[in-house]
Amino acid sequence: MKINEKNLCMFATCPPVDLEGWLAKRGEVNKNYQRRYFVLKGNLLFYFEKKGDREPLGVIVLEGCTIELAKDEEQYCFQVVFHGINNRTYYLSAESQDLMETWMKALTCAGYEYMKLMVSELQRQLDEIEGTKDATSNKLVTPQPPPRRHNPFNRTAPPPPTNVAPFNAEKVITSSDGAVTLNSTTNNNQKSASTVEDFSFIQLHEAFQREILKDLIGRRKLNSVADEPLIVL
């Protein structure tokens, strides 16, 4: 990759920046730690000899690497480990625990792969929100039928009684005090009295209807006999 040093230096020194501050960097040949001023812009980590320099001493491209705690090193030390052809590790040391955590978080979020994952996650959340809105709008637009009310009078009539024994009007007995009873014959040919409540309305109606018709026919016969002359010449 070709780099225009002039444009790169201008980019390193012009604002805005994502994070900047002092860190100690261990040399690649000389293993001693040297204090450098670091500036993070996007996925590029520049380091200067001192603050305000116009040209950086170097730049680290934060792609294909992981940010890890450094073991068996100075206090508040972390490392930038590259996995690839270079396979190089940069050792950096902060002045406090808070500064170390701040730099590690910033460097972890600076890579392109991390930004790509963040964009995918934000897109997924946006799709879920839009899907929820669409479902809500559909529910509001679609009319719902009103609930059906129960009508207590909307009931079917009960079926007529079946397997009812035939009623015999001759069994109707009216006592002197006006009480109506019914006589029924038992298996031992003994008569026992039953109240009208033991029979249905239909049975009583048919029984009395037959008695009324019988009386009406009898009266008509009597009237026809009375109207006939005693002697027919």
C-alpha atoms as a PDB file:
ATOM      1  CA  MET A   1       0.000   0.000   0.000  1.00  0.00           C
ATOM      2  CA  LYS A   2       1.406   3.386  -1.002  1.00  0.00           C
ATOM      3  CA  ILE A   3       1.175   6.136   1.596  1.00  0.00           C
ATOM      4  CA  ASN A   4       1.449   9.835   0.914  1.00  0.00           C
ATOM      5  CA  GLU A   5       3.532  10.962   3.879  1.00  0.00           C
ATOM      6  CA  LYS A   6       2.579  14.615   3.511  1.00  0.00           C
ATOM      7  CA  ASN A   7      -1.169  13.948   3.519  1.00  0.00           C
ATOM      8  CA  LEU A   8      -0.765  11.414   6.318  1.00  0.00           C
ATOM      9  CA  CYS A   9       1.083  13.933   8.503  1.00  0.00           C
ATOM     10  CA  MET A  10      -1.601  16.539   7.837  1.00  0.00           C
ATOM     11  CA  PHE A  11      -4.328  14.048   8.738  1.00  0.00           C
ATOM     12  CA  ALA A  12      -2.506  13.101  11.985  1.00  0.00           C
ATOM     13  CA  THR A  13      -2.275  16.697  13.245  1.00  0.00           C
ATOM     14  CA  CYS A  14      -5.629  18.179  12.204  1.00  0.00           C
ATOM     15  CA  PRO A  15      -8.701  17.886  14.478  1.00  0.00           C
ATOM     16  CA  PRO A  16     -10.920  16.202  15.422  1.00  0.00           C
ATOM     17  CA  VAL A  17      -9.455  13.153  17.162  1.00  0.00           C
ATOM     18  CA  ASP A  18     -11.094  10.152  18.826  1.00  0.00           C
ATOM     19  CA  LEU A  19      -8.629   9.903  21.730  1.00  0.00           C
ATOM     20  CA  GLU A  20      -5.217  11.326  22.607  1.00  0.00           C
ATOM     21  CA  GLY A  21      -2.804  11.201  25.522  1.00  0.00           C
ATOM     22  CA  TRP A  22       0.510   9.975  26.889  1.00  0.00           C
ATOM     23  CA  LEU A  23       1.454   6.288  26.845  1.00  0.00           C
ATOM     24  CA  ALA A  24       4.701   4.380  27.292  1.00  0.00           C
ATOM     25  CA  LYS A  25       5.700   2.285  24.294  1.00  0.00           C
ATOM     26  CA  ARG A  26       8.225  -0.559  24.375  1.00  0.00           C
ATOM     27  CA  GLY A  27      10.716  -0.526  21.520  1.00  0.00           C
ATOM     28  CA  GLU A  28      10.977  -3.364  19.051  1.00  0.00           C
ATOM     29  CA  VAL A  29      14.783  -3.665  19.298  1.00  0.00           C
ATOM     30  CA  ASN A  30      15.416  -1.788  22.521  1.00  0.00           C
ATOM     31  CA  LYS A  31      13.008  -3.343  25.047  1.00  0.00           C
ATOM     32  CA  ASN A  32      12.933  -0.238  27.213  1.00  0.00           C
ATOM     33  CA  TYR A  33       9.691   1.771  27.509  1.00  0.00           C
ATOM     34  CA  GLN A  34       9.724   5.301  26.093  1.00  0.00           C
ATOM     35  CA  ARG A  35       7.084   7.966  26.692  1.00  0.00           C
ATOM     36  CA  ARG A  36       5.179   8.885  23.540  1.00  0.00           C
ATOM     37  CA  TYR A  37       2.144  11.060  22.742  1.00  0.00           C
ATOM     38  CA  PHE A  38      -0.559   8.969  21.018  1.00  0.00           C
ATOM     39  CA  VAL A  39      -3.415  10.195  18.819  1.00  0.00           C
ATOM     40  CA  LEU A  40      -6.251   7.911  17.683  1.00  0.00           C
ATOM     41  CA  LYS A  41      -8.181   8.857  14.550  1.00  0.00           C
ATOM     42  CA  GLY A  42     -10.502   6.209  13.127  1.00  0.00           C
ATOM     43  CA  ASN A  43      -8.510   3.002  12.775  1.00  0.00           C
ATOM     44  CA  LEU A  44      -5.118   4.809  12.726  1.00  0.00           C
ATOM     45  CA  LEU A  45      -3.043   5.166  15.901  1.00  0.00           C
ATOM     46  CA  PHE A  46      -0.330   7.818  15.541  1.00  0.00           C
ATOM     47  CA  TYR A  47       2.450   8.343  18.101  1.00  0.00           C
ATOM     48  CA  PHE A  48       4.679  11.422  18.416  1.00  0.00           C
ATOM     49  CA  GLU A  49       7.833  12.164  20.364  1.00  0.00           C
ATOM     50  CA  LYS A  50       6.074  15.023  22.123  1.00  0.00           C
ATOM     51  CA  LYS A  51       2.734  16.820  21.971  1.00  0.00           C
ATOM     52  CA  GLY A  52       2.468  19.424  19.197  1.00  0.00           C
ATOM     53  CA  ASP A  53       4.926  17.808  16.754  1.00  0.00           C
ATOM     54  CA  ARG A  54       4.039  18.235  13.095  1.00  0.00           C
ATOM     55  CA  GLU A  55       5.177  14.793  12.038  1.00  0.00           C
ATOM     56  CA  PRO A  56       4.469  11.484  13.841  1.00  0.00           C
ATOM     57  CA  LEU A  57       7.192   8.980  14.608  1.00  0.00           C
ATOM     58  CA  GLY A  58       4.981   6.181  13.363  1.00  0.00           C
ATOM     59  CA  VAL A  59       1.447   4.931  12.812  1.00  0.00           C
ATOM     60  CA  ILE A  60      -0.299   1.651  13.692  1.00  0.00           C
ATOM     61  CA  VAL A  61      -3.158   0.496  11.456  1.00  0.00           C
ATOM     62  CA  LEU A  62      -5.657  -1.194  13.778  1.00  0.00           C
ATOM     63  CA  GLU A  63      -6.914  -3.944  11.461  1.00  0.00           C
ATOM     64  CA  GLY A  64      -6.584  -7.699  11.997  1.00  0.00           C
ATOM     65  CA  CYS A  65      -5.445  -7.249  15.592  1.00  0.00           C
ATOM     66  CA  THR A  66      -6.715  -7.821  19.123  1.00  0.00           C
ATOM     67  CA  ILE A  67      -6.273  -5.703  22.244  1.00  0.00           C
ATOM     68  CA  GLU A  68      -5.185  -7.773  25.250  1.00  0.00           C
ATOM     69  CA  LEU A  69      -3.716  -7.352  28.694  1.00  0.00           C
ATOM     70  CA  ALA A  70       0.044  -7.860  28.752  1.00  0.00           C
ATOM     71  CA  LYS A  71       1.297 -10.483  31.193  1.00  0.00           C
ATOM     72  CA  ASP A  72       4.646 -10.280  32.980  1.00  0.00           C
ATOM     73  CA  GLU A  73       5.050  -6.633  31.960  1.00  0.00           C
ATOM     74  CA  GLU A  74       4.902  -3.295  33.701  1.00  0.00           C
ATOM     75  CA  GLN A  75       1.827  -2.204  35.638  1.00  0.00           C
ATOM     76  CA  TYR A  76      -1.167  -0.984  33.550  1.00  0.00           C
ATOM     77  CA  CYS A  77       0.390  -2.513  30.426  1.00  0.00           C
ATOM     78  CA  PHE A  78      -1.582  -3.845  27.452  1.00  0.00           C
ATOM     79  CA  GLN A  79      -0.654  -5.096  24.027  1.00  0.00           C
ATOM     80  CA  VAL A  80      -1.834  -4.786  20.419  1.00  0.00           C
ATOM     81  CA  VAL A  81      -1.422  -8.250  18.894  1.00  0.00           C
ATOM     82  CA  PHE A  82      -1.521  -8.671  15.103  1.00  0.00           C
ATOM     83  CA  HIS A  83      -2.492 -12.029  13.595  1.00  0.00           C
ATOM     84  CA  GLY A  84      -1.152 -12.287  10.075  1.00  0.00           C
ATOM     85  CA  ILE A  85       2.000 -11.938   8.029  1.00  0.00           C
ATOM     86  CA  ASN A  86       3.677  -9.410  10.323  1.00  0.00           C
ATOM     87  CA  ASN A  87       2.642 -11.214  13.513  1.00  0.00           C
ATOM     88  CA  ARG A  88       3.936  -8.277  15.561  1.00  0.00           C
ATOM     89  CA  THR A  89       2.931  -7.179  19.049  1.00  0.00           C
ATOM     90  CA  TYR A  90       3.010  -3.595  20.363  1.00  0.00           C
ATOM     91  CA  TYR A  91       3.363  -3.162  24.122  1.00  0.00           C
ATOM     92  CA  LEU A  92       1.811   0.003  25.598  1.00  0.00           C
ATOM     93  CA  SER A  93       1.615   1.127  29.211  1.00  0.00           C
ATOM     94  CA  ALA A  94      -0.743   3.693  30.762  1.00  0.00           C
ATOM     95  CA  GLU A  95      -0.338   5.760  33.923  1.00  0.00           C
ATOM     96  CA  SER A  96      -3.441   4.378  35.707  1.00  0.00           C
ATOM     97  CA  GLN A  97      -6.039   1.632  35.598  1.00  0.00           C
ATOM     98  CA  ASP A  98      -8.729   3.978  34.289  1.00  0.00           C
ATOM     99  CA  LEU A  99      -6.519   5.259  31.463  1.00  0.00           C
ATOM    100  CA  MET A 100      -5.559   1.718  30.488  1.00  0.00           C
ATOM    101  CA  GLU A 101      -9.214   0.630  30.288  1.00  0.00           C
ATOM    102  CA  THR A 102     -10.137   3.764  28.300  1.00  0.00           C
ATOM    103  CA  TRP A 103      -7.403   3.141  25.724  1.00  0.00           C
ATOM    104  CA  MET A 104      -8.200  -0.565  25.428  1.00  0.00           C
ATOM    105  CA  LYS A 105     -11.891   0.119  24.795  1.00  0.00           C
ATOM    106  CA  ALA A 106     -11.135   2.826  22.233  1.00  0.00           C
ATOM    107  CA  LEU A 107      -8.629   0.678  20.338  1.00  0.00           C
ATOM    108  CA  THR A 108     -10.986  -2.322  20.349  1.00  0.00           C
ATOM    109  CA  CYS A 109     -13.789  -0.257  18.792  1.00  0.00           C
ATOM    110  CA  ALA A 110     -11.528   1.384  16.181  1.00  0.00           C
ATOM    111  CA  GLY A 111     -11.216  -1.543  13.761  1.00  0.00           C
ATOM    112  CA  TYR A 112     -13.261  -1.914  10.617  1.00  0.00           C
ATOM    113  CA  GLU A 113     -14.571  -5.347  11.582  1.00  0.00           C
ATOM    114  CA  TYR A 114     -15.942  -4.001  14.863  1.00  0.00           C
ATOM    115  CA  MET A 115     -17.615  -1.092  13.091  1.00  0.00           C
ATOM    116  CA  LYS A 116     -19.103  -3.517  10.570  1.00  0.00           C
ATOM    117  CA  LEU A 117     -20.593  -5.615  13.373  1.00  0.00           C
ATOM    118  CA  MET A 118     -21.980  -2.489  15.022  1.00  0.00           C
ATOM    119  CA  VAL A 119     -23.642  -1.389  11.771  1.00  0.00           C
ATOM    120  CA  SER A 120     -25.182  -4.848  11.323  1.00  0.00           C
ATOM    121  CA  GLU A 121     -26.522  -4.830  14.873  1.00  0.00           C
ATOM    122  CA  LEU A 122     -27.969  -1.337  14.499  1.00  0.00           C
ATOM    123  CA  GLN A 123     -29.588  -2.353  11.210  1.00  0.00           C
ATOM    124  CA  ARG A 124     -31.143  -5.399  12.906  1.00  0.00           C
ATOM    125  CA  GLN A 125     -32.542  -3.244  15.722  1.00  0.00           C
ATOM    126  CA  LEU A 126     -33.919  -0.758  13.188  1.00  0.00           C
ATOM    127  CA  ASP A 127     -35.633  -3.562  11.264  1.00  0.00           C
ATOM    128  CA  GLU A 128     -37.214  -4.836  14.470  1.00  0.00           C
ATOM    129  CA  ILE A 129     -38.510  -1.360  15.341  1.00  0.00           C
ATOM    130  CA  GLU A 130     -39.938  -0.839  11.845  1.00  0.00           C
ATOM    131  CA  GLY A 131     -41.509  -4.300  11.929  1.00  0.00           C
ATOM    132  CA  THR A 132     -43.157  -3.501  15.260  1.00  0.00           C
ATOM    133  CA  LYS A 133     -44.477  -0.215  13.888  1.00  0.00           C
ATOM    134  CA  ASP A 134     -45.886  -1.939  10.794  1.00  0.00           C
ATOM    135  CA  ALA A 135     -47.605  -4.574  12.908  1.00  0.00           C
ATOM    136  CA  THR A 136     -49.067  -1.877  15.171  1.00  0.00           C
ATOM    137  CA  SER A 137     -50.315   0.167  12.217  1.00  0.00           C
ATOM    138  CA  ASN A 138     -51.919  -2.907  10.647  1.00  0.00           C
ATOM    139  CA  LYS A 139     -53.723  -3.644  13.864  1.00  0.00           C
ATOM    140  CA  LEU A 140     -55.011  -0.072  13.993  1.00  0.00           C
ATOM    141  CA  VAL A 141     -56.165  -0.030  10.355  1.00  0.00           C
ATOM    142  CA  THR A 142     -57.836  -3.442  10.263  1.00  0.00           C
ATOM    143  CA  PRO A 143     -61.406  -3.105  11.668  1.00  0.00           C
ATOM    144  CA  GLN A 144     -62.404  -5.634  14.223  1.00  0.00           C
ATOM    145  CA  PRO A 145     -66.007  -6.925  14.488  1.00  0.00           C
ATOM    146  CA  PRO A 146     -67.862  -5.871  17.651  1.00  0.00           C
ATOM    147  CA  PRO A 147     -68.255  -8.532  20.310  1.00  0.00           C
ATOM    148  CA  ARG A 148     -71.486 -10.490  20.127  1.00  0.00           C
ATOM    149  CA  ARG A 149     -73.832  -9.962  23.057  1.00  0.00           C
ATOM    150  CA  HIS A 150     -75.632 -12.887  24.606  1.00  0.00           C
ATOM    151  CA  ASN A 151     -79.419 -12.689  24.338  1.00  0.00           C
ATOM    152  CA  PRO A 152     -80.998 -14.599  27.240  1.00  0.00           C
ATOM    153  CA  PHE A 153     -84.308 -14.915  25.300  1.00  0.00           C
ATOM    154  CA  ASN A 154     -82.665 -16.461  22.269  1.00  0.00           C
ATOM    155  CA  ARG A 155     -83.226 -20.013  23.397  1.00  0.00           C
ATOM    156  CA  THR A 156     -84.771 -22.983  21.645  1.00  0.00           C
ATOM    157  CA  ALA A 157     -88.032 -24.343  22.968  1.00  0.00           C
ATOM    158  CA  PRO A 158     -87.792 -27.542  25.015  1.00  0.00           C
ATOM    159  CA  PRO A 159     -88.904 -30.709  23.201  1.00  0.00           C
ATOM    160  CA  PRO A 160     -92.395 -32.088  23.973  1.00  0.00           C
ATOM    161  CA  PRO A 161     -92.561 -34.890  26.522  1.00  0.00           C
ATOM    162  CA  THR A 162     -92.240 -38.391  25.126  1.00  0.00           C
ATOM    163  CA  ASN A 163     -93.157 -41.834  26.437  1.00  0.00           C
ATOM    164  CA  VAL A 164     -95.991 -40.392  28.533  1.00  0.00           C
ATOM    165  CA  ALA A 165     -98.696 -42.778  29.662  1.00  0.00           C
ATOM    166  CA  PRO A 166    -102.162 -42.046  28.195  1.00  0.00           C
ATOM    167  CA  PHE A 167    -104.488 -40.079  30.416  1.00  0.00           C
ATOM    168  CA  ASN A 168    -107.888 -41.437  31.411  1.00  0.00           C
ATOM    169  CA  ALA A 169    -110.504 -38.817  32.215  1.00  0.00           C
ATOM    170  CA  GLU A 170    -112.500 -41.332  34.183  1.00  0.00           C
ATOM    171  CA  LYS A 171    -109.822 -41.215  36.821  1.00  0.00           C
ATOM    172  CA  VAL A 172    -110.516 -37.520  37.568  1.00  0.00           C
ATOM    173  CA  ILE A 173    -112.318 -37.150  40.878  1.00  0.00           C
ATOM    174  CA  THR A 174    -113.574 -33.851  42.323  1.00  0.00           C
ATOM    175  CA  SER A 175    -114.208 -33.866  46.058  1.00  0.00           C
ATOM    176  CA  SER A 176    -116.797 -31.806  47.892  1.00  0.00           C
ATOM    177  CA  ASP A 177    -114.244 -29.167  48.899  1.00  0.00           C
ATOM    178  CA  GLY A 178    -113.165 -28.577  45.231  1.00  0.00           C
ATOM    179  CA  ALA A 179    -109.881 -30.540  45.357  1.00  0.00           C
ATOM    180  CA  VAL A 180    -109.085 -32.461  42.167  1.00  0.00           C
ATOM    181  CA  THR A 181    -107.431 -35.882  42.456  1.00  0.00           C
ATOM    182  CA  LEU A 182    -106.676 -38.713  40.048  1.00  0.00           C
ATOM    183  CA  ASN A 183    -107.221 -42.432  40.575  1.00  0.00           C
ATOM    184  CA  SER A 184    -104.682 -44.922  39.229  1.00  0.00           C
ATOM    185  CA  THR A 185    -104.797 -48.689  39.346  1.00  0.00           C
ATOM    186  CA  THR A 186    -101.857 -50.535  40.857  1.00  0.00           C
ATOM    187  CA  ASN A 187    -100.641 -54.000  40.023  1.00  0.00           C
ATOM    188  CA  ASN A 188    -102.750 -55.399  42.877  1.00  0.00           C
ATOM    189  CA  ASN A 189    -105.940 -53.874  41.334  1.00  0.00           C
ATOM    190  CA  GLN A 190    -106.079 -51.414  44.246  1.00  0.00           C
ATOM    191  CA  LYS A 191    -106.981 -47.781  43.552  1.00  0.00           C
ATOM    192  CA  SER A 192    -104.725 -45.091  44.885  1.00  0.00           C
ATOM    193  CA  ALA A 193    -105.327 -41.292  44.673  1.00  0.00           C
ATOM    194  CA  SER A 194    -102.856 -38.982  42.865  1.00  0.00           C
ATOM    195  CA  THR A 195    -102.887 -35.199  42.650  1.00  0.00           C
ATOM    196  CA  VAL A 196    -103.191 -33.265  39.378  1.00  0.00           C
ATOM    197  CA  GLU A 197     -99.568 -32.166  39.777  1.00  0.00           C
ATOM    198  CA  ASP A 198     -98.508 -35.716  38.826  1.00  0.00           C
ATOM    199  CA  PHE A 199     -99.748 -35.153  35.236  1.00  0.00           C
ATOM    200  CA  SER A 200     -98.632 -32.690  32.588  1.00  0.00           C
ATOM    201  CA  PHE A 201    -100.760 -29.855  31.239  1.00  0.00           C
ATOM    202  CA  ILE A 202    -101.122 -31.576  27.876  1.00  0.00           C
ATOM    203  CA  GLN A 203    -102.556 -34.708  29.478  1.00  0.00           C
ATOM    204  CA  LEU A 204    -105.102 -32.727  31.495  1.00  0.00           C
ATOM    205  CA  HIS A 205    -106.098 -30.623  28.502  1.00  0.00           C
ATOM    206  CA  GLU A 206    -106.733 -33.674  26.304  1.00  0.00           C
ATOM    207  CA  ALA A 207    -108.707 -35.433  29.029  1.00  0.00           C
ATOM    208  CA  PHE A 208    -111.040 -32.533  29.710  1.00  0.00           C
ATOM    209  CA  GLN A 209    -111.408 -31.871  25.972  1.00  0.00           C
ATOM    210  CA  ARG A 210    -112.694 -35.417  25.446  1.00  0.00           C
ATOM    211  CA  GLU A 211    -115.196 -35.006  28.348  1.00  0.00           C
ATOM    212  CA  ILE A 212    -116.456 -31.704  26.968  1.00  0.00           C
ATOM    213  CA  LEU A 213    -116.961 -33.188  23.501  1.00  0.00           C
ATOM    214  CA  LYS A 214    -118.813 -36.138  25.018  1.00  0.00           C
ATOM    215  CA  ASP A 215    -121.203 -33.792  26.888  1.00  0.00           C
ATOM    216  CA  LEU A 216    -121.726 -31.638  23.782  1.00  0.00           C
ATOM    217  CA  ILE A 217    -122.684 -34.651  21.677  1.00  0.00           C
ATOM    218  CA  GLY A 218    -125.062 -35.836  24.393  1.00  0.00           C
ATOM    219  CA  ARG A 219    -126.798 -32.440  24.594  1.00  0.00           C
ATOM    220  CA  ARG A 220    -127.227 -32.332  20.829  1.00  0.00           C
ATOM    221  CA  LYS A 221    -128.927 -35.739  20.893  1.00  0.00           C
ATOM    222  CA  LEU A 222    -131.279 -34.615  23.658  1.00  0.00           C
ATOM    223  CA  ASN A 223    -132.185 -31.438  21.781  1.00  0.00           C
ATOM    224  CA  SER A 224    -132.877 -33.351  18.586  1.00  0.00           C
ATOM    225  CA  VAL A 225    -135.208 -35.744  20.443  1.00  0.00           C
ATOM    226  CA  ALA A 226    -137.109 -32.876  22.130  1.00  0.00           C
ATOM    227  CA  ASP A 227    -137.685 -31.102  18.849  1.00  0.00           C
ATOM    228  CA  GLU A 228    -139.309 -34.136  17.215  1.00  0.00           C
ATOM    229  CA  PRO A 229    -143.179 -34.189  17.379  1.00  0.00           C
ATOM    230  CA  LEU A 230    -144.852 -36.691  19.632  1.00  0.00           C
ATOM    231  CA  ILE A 231    -147.195 -37.979  16.864  1.00  0.00           C
ATOM    232  CA  VAL A 232    -146.351 -38.012  13.243  1.00  0.00           C
ATOM    233  CA  LEU A 233    -149.346 -38.178  10.978  1.00  0.00           C
END
